[in-house]
N, C-alpha and C. Protein backbone atom coordinates (compact mmCIF):
# COMPACT_ATOMS: atom_id res chain seq x y z
N MET A 1 0.73 -1.18 -0.36
CA MET A 1 -0.33 0.38 0.15
C MET A 1 0.81 1.40 -0.13
N MET A 2 0.71 2.04 -1.32
CA MET A 2 1.15 3.53 -0.90
C MET A 2 0.01 4.28 -0.67
N LYS A 3 0.52 5.88 -0.80
CA LYS A 3 -0.47 6.68 -0.43
C LYS A 3 0.37 7.87 -0.75
N LYS A 4 -0.02 8.81 -1.20
CA LYS A 4 0.84 10.31 -1.44
C LYS A 4 -0.42 11.51 -0.93
N SER A 5 -0.05 12.53 -0.44
CA SER A 5 -0.76 13.39 0.00
C SER A 5 -0.89 14.83 -1.16
N TYR A 6 -1.76 15.59 -1.53
CA TYR A 6 -1.68 16.87 -2.50
C TYR A 6 -2.72 17.84 -2.04
N LYS A 7 -2.05 18.77 -2.69
CA LYS A 7 -3.00 20.39 -2.17
C LYS A 7 -3.73 20.82 -2.99
N ILE A 8 -4.81 20.74 -3.16
CA ILE A 8 -5.79 20.99 -4.65
C ILE A 8 -5.56 22.92 -4.22
N ILE A 9 -5.18 23.28 -5.65
CA ILE A 9 -4.85 24.95 -5.93
C ILE A 9 -6.00 24.90 -6.36
N ASP A 10 -7.19 24.60 -7.55
CA ASP A 10 -7.82 24.97 -7.98
C ASP A 10 -9.02 25.79 -7.28
N GLU A 11 -9.50 26.88 -7.95
CA GLU A 11 -10.67 27.67 -7.58
C GLU A 11 -11.63 26.92 -6.62
N THR A 12 -12.09 26.41 -7.98
CA THR A 12 -13.09 25.59 -7.92
C THR A 12 -12.97 23.86 -7.18
N GLY A 13 -11.99 23.86 -6.80
CA GLY A 13 -11.82 22.43 -5.79
C GLY A 13 -11.84 21.17 -6.70
N LEU A 14 -11.48 20.06 -6.10
CA LEU A 14 -11.22 19.06 -7.54
C LEU A 14 -13.37 19.13 -7.67
N HIS A 15 -12.95 19.76 -9.41
CA HIS A 15 -14.58 19.45 -9.63
C HIS A 15 -14.84 18.49 -10.98
N ALA A 16 -15.60 18.71 -11.41
CA ALA A 16 -16.39 17.45 -12.46
C ALA A 16 -15.60 17.06 -13.68
N ARG A 17 -14.88 17.94 -14.17
CA ARG A 17 -14.18 17.92 -15.38
C ARG A 17 -12.68 17.02 -15.12
N PRO A 18 -12.09 17.13 -14.79
CA PRO A 18 -11.03 16.26 -13.46
C PRO A 18 -10.98 15.35 -13.14
N ALA A 19 -12.35 15.48 -12.14
CA ALA A 19 -12.54 14.54 -11.33
C ALA A 19 -12.70 13.29 -12.25
N THR A 20 -13.81 13.22 -13.22
CA THR A 20 -13.99 12.17 -14.20
C THR A 20 -12.47 12.14 -15.23
N LEU A 21 -12.05 12.42 -15.55
CA LEU A 21 -10.75 12.26 -16.19
C LEU A 21 -9.96 11.06 -15.12
N LEU A 22 -9.95 11.89 -14.20
CA LEU A 22 -9.59 10.76 -12.61
C LEU A 22 -9.98 9.15 -12.50
N VAL A 23 -11.22 9.38 -12.35
CA VAL A 23 -11.31 8.22 -12.78
C VAL A 23 -11.93 7.25 -13.42
N GLN A 24 -11.84 7.75 -14.83
CA GLN A 24 -11.48 6.96 -16.16
C GLN A 24 -9.87 6.31 -15.75
N GLU A 25 -9.14 7.13 -15.64
CA GLU A 25 -7.49 6.56 -15.66
C GLU A 25 -7.55 5.79 -14.52
N ALA A 26 -8.47 5.93 -13.57
CA ALA A 26 -8.04 4.99 -11.94
C ALA A 26 -8.70 3.80 -12.61
N ALA A 27 -9.54 3.82 -13.70
CA ALA A 27 -10.69 2.63 -13.63
C ALA A 27 -9.57 1.66 -14.90
N LYS A 28 -8.55 1.99 -15.66
CA LYS A 28 -7.23 1.36 -16.35
C LYS A 28 -6.70 0.01 -16.23
N PHE A 29 -6.69 0.51 -14.24
CA PHE A 29 -5.93 -0.22 -13.28
C PHE A 29 -6.50 -1.02 -12.75
N LYS A 30 -5.95 -2.54 -12.04
CA LYS A 30 -6.52 -3.52 -11.82
C LYS A 30 -6.44 -3.32 -10.36
N ASN A 31 -5.76 -1.95 -9.60
CA ASN A 31 -5.24 -1.56 -8.13
C ASN A 31 -6.47 -1.72 -7.27
N ASP A 32 -6.56 -1.84 -6.38
CA ASP A 32 -7.48 -0.68 -5.13
C ASP A 32 -7.26 0.91 -5.20
N ILE A 33 -7.76 1.69 -5.44
CA ILE A 33 -7.14 2.86 -5.36
C ILE A 33 -8.76 3.36 -4.91
N SER A 34 -7.89 4.42 -4.33
CA SER A 34 -8.77 5.21 -2.84
C SER A 34 -8.15 6.62 -2.74
N ILE A 35 -9.57 7.22 -2.55
CA ILE A 35 -8.97 8.85 -2.29
C ILE A 35 -9.75 9.50 -0.71
N GLU A 36 -8.91 9.84 -0.14
CA GLU A 36 -9.46 9.77 1.36
C GLU A 36 -9.02 11.97 1.08
N TYR A 37 -10.33 12.35 1.73
CA TYR A 37 -10.45 13.59 2.26
C TYR A 37 -11.82 13.80 3.59
N ASN A 38 -11.42 14.38 4.58
CA ASN A 38 -11.71 15.28 5.41
C ASN A 38 -12.13 13.76 5.93
N GLY A 39 -11.42 12.81 6.33
CA GLY A 39 -11.86 11.37 7.32
C GLY A 39 -12.41 10.44 6.61
N ASN A 40 -13.06 10.53 5.27
CA ASN A 40 -13.44 9.73 4.28
C ASN A 40 -12.90 9.12 3.60
N LEU A 41 -12.63 7.87 3.19
CA LEU A 41 -12.00 6.97 2.41
C LEU A 41 -13.18 6.28 1.01
N LEU A 42 -12.97 6.71 -0.20
CA LEU A 42 -13.72 6.14 -1.02
C LEU A 42 -13.20 6.02 -2.31
N THR A 43 -13.43 4.77 -2.99
CA THR A 43 -13.28 4.65 -4.15
C THR A 43 -12.75 5.56 -4.98
N MET A 44 -11.73 5.58 -5.94
CA MET A 44 -11.43 6.26 -6.79
C MET A 44 -12.01 5.62 -8.28
N LYS A 45 -12.40 4.69 -8.06
CA LYS A 45 -13.19 4.44 -9.96
C LYS A 45 -14.64 4.45 -9.82
N SER A 46 -15.19 5.57 -9.00
CA SER A 46 -16.46 5.90 -8.95
C SER A 46 -16.65 7.46 -9.03
N ILE A 47 -17.23 8.06 -10.09
CA ILE A 47 -17.27 9.23 -10.07
C ILE A 47 -18.30 10.01 -9.33
N MET A 48 -19.42 9.59 -8.57
CA MET A 48 -20.55 9.65 -8.19
C MET A 48 -19.39 9.79 -6.26
N ALA A 49 -18.59 8.86 -6.21
CA ALA A 49 -17.86 8.96 -4.88
C ALA A 49 -16.72 10.15 -4.56
N VAL A 50 -16.26 9.84 -5.44
CA VAL A 50 -15.62 11.31 -5.88
C VAL A 50 -15.97 12.46 -5.52
N LEU A 51 -17.36 12.96 -6.65
CA LEU A 51 -17.86 13.96 -6.73
C LEU A 51 -18.40 14.21 -4.96
N SER A 52 -18.74 13.53 -3.99
CA SER A 52 -19.11 13.47 -3.25
C SER A 52 -18.73 14.13 -1.89
N LEU A 53 -17.58 13.82 -2.14
CA LEU A 53 -16.55 14.59 -0.98
C LEU A 53 -16.35 16.04 -1.68
N GLY A 54 -16.54 16.55 -2.07
CA GLY A 54 -16.78 18.02 -2.46
C GLY A 54 -15.71 18.50 -1.44
N VAL A 55 -14.17 18.46 -2.34
CA VAL A 55 -13.33 18.59 -2.11
C VAL A 55 -13.09 20.49 -2.48
N PRO A 56 -12.79 20.75 -1.50
CA PRO A 56 -12.73 22.36 -2.12
C PRO A 56 -11.49 23.28 -2.21
N GLN A 57 -11.28 24.24 -2.71
CA GLN A 57 -9.95 24.33 -2.96
C GLN A 57 -9.44 24.55 -1.59
N ASN A 58 -7.44 24.23 -1.64
CA ASN A 58 -6.34 24.43 -0.04
C ASN A 58 -7.07 23.05 0.58
N ALA A 59 -7.55 22.57 0.18
CA ALA A 59 -8.10 21.30 0.63
C ALA A 59 -6.84 20.06 0.54
N THR A 60 -6.73 19.25 1.41
CA THR A 60 -5.69 18.16 1.01
C THR A 60 -6.48 16.67 0.70
N ILE A 61 -6.12 16.01 0.02
CA ILE A 61 -6.11 14.55 -0.62
C ILE A 61 -5.18 14.08 -0.48
N THR A 62 -5.51 12.96 0.03
CA THR A 62 -4.47 11.48 -0.23
C THR A 62 -5.17 10.23 -0.78
N ILE A 63 -4.33 9.88 -1.75
CA ILE A 63 -4.53 8.85 -2.72
C ILE A 63 -4.22 7.93 -2.00
N HIS A 64 -4.66 6.88 -1.75
CA HIS A 64 -4.03 5.42 -1.83
C HIS A 64 -3.90 4.40 -2.86
N VAL A 65 -3.01 3.83 -2.65
CA VAL A 65 -2.96 2.92 -4.32
C VAL A 65 -2.45 1.12 -3.71
N ASP A 66 -2.79 0.50 -3.66
CA ASP A 66 -2.90 -0.79 -3.02
C ASP A 66 -2.07 -1.63 -4.71
N GLY A 67 -1.34 -2.52 -4.53
CA GLY A 67 -1.43 -3.65 -5.71
C GLY A 67 -0.09 -3.44 -6.53
N GLU A 68 0.75 -3.78 -7.00
CA GLU A 68 1.46 -4.34 -8.22
C GLU A 68 1.48 -2.63 -8.86
N ASP A 69 3.33 -2.03 -8.84
CA ASP A 69 2.62 -0.99 -10.14
C ASP A 69 2.68 0.17 -9.39
N ALA A 70 2.54 0.58 -7.88
CA ALA A 70 1.71 1.49 -7.45
C ALA A 70 2.51 3.24 -7.96
N GLU A 71 4.09 2.72 -7.76
CA GLU A 71 4.56 3.85 -9.28
C GLU A 71 3.60 4.45 -10.38
N VAL A 72 3.05 3.78 -11.38
CA VAL A 72 3.35 3.64 -12.69
C VAL A 72 1.48 4.20 -12.32
N VAL A 73 0.62 3.61 -11.33
CA VAL A 73 -0.80 3.71 -10.92
C VAL A 73 -0.07 6.24 -10.46
N PHE A 74 0.28 6.22 -9.63
CA PHE A 74 0.41 7.54 -9.46
C PHE A 74 1.18 8.51 -10.16
N ALA A 75 1.90 7.93 -11.14
CA ALA A 75 2.66 8.73 -11.74
C ALA A 75 1.65 8.84 -13.37
N ALA A 76 0.44 8.23 -13.49
CA ALA A 76 -0.71 8.42 -14.45
C ALA A 76 -1.50 10.10 -13.61
N LEU A 77 -2.22 9.61 -12.12
CA LEU A 77 -2.84 10.65 -12.19
C LEU A 77 -2.53 11.48 -11.75
N GLU A 78 -1.16 11.48 -11.08
CA GLU A 78 -0.20 12.73 -11.38
C GLU A 78 -0.03 13.73 -12.30
N GLN A 79 -0.43 13.48 -13.57
CA GLN A 79 -0.30 14.23 -15.07
C GLN A 79 -1.51 14.32 -14.97
N ILE A 80 -2.56 14.18 -15.19
CA ILE A 80 -3.93 14.47 -14.69
C ILE A 80 -4.23 15.24 -13.68
N LEU A 81 -3.53 15.42 -12.68
CA LEU A 81 -3.55 16.50 -11.78
C LEU A 81 -2.87 17.67 -11.97
N ALA A 82 -1.79 17.17 -12.34
CA ALA A 82 -0.87 18.80 -12.89
C ALA A 82 -1.49 19.34 -13.90
N LYS A 83 -1.76 18.38 -15.17
CA LYS A 83 -1.96 19.06 -16.64
C LYS A 83 -3.72 19.92 -15.70
N HIS A 84 -4.47 19.37 -15.40
CA HIS A 84 -5.25 20.23 -14.86
C HIS A 84 -5.39 21.17 -14.33
N GLN A 85 -3.96 21.57 -13.30
CA GLN A 85 -3.74 22.90 -12.57
C GLN A 85 -4.12 22.59 -11.49
N LEU A 86 -4.66 21.02 -10.74
CA LEU A 86 -5.06 21.03 -9.70
C LEU A 86 -4.11 21.25 -8.57
N ILE A 87 -2.84 20.95 -8.47
CA ILE A 87 -2.03 20.13 -7.85
C ILE A 87 -0.80 21.66 -8.03
């Protein structure tokens, strides 16, 4: 199990468009991938779960990846987070 934390800097927080891209990317992997915010740990493979967290600007999220090649998973997710200027 690996986990990394990120500070969301986007004015609108973790909103629908990048959240959808993150969920789609997470779904490509067999790994168990979760997102944690404010004490809630939910699957990152469900758009409803991710959006239900309501992550605002300046919040810190933690992504948990269980399974092989966790580094590859983090690299893919971090690319989306950075591309959409969330972190």
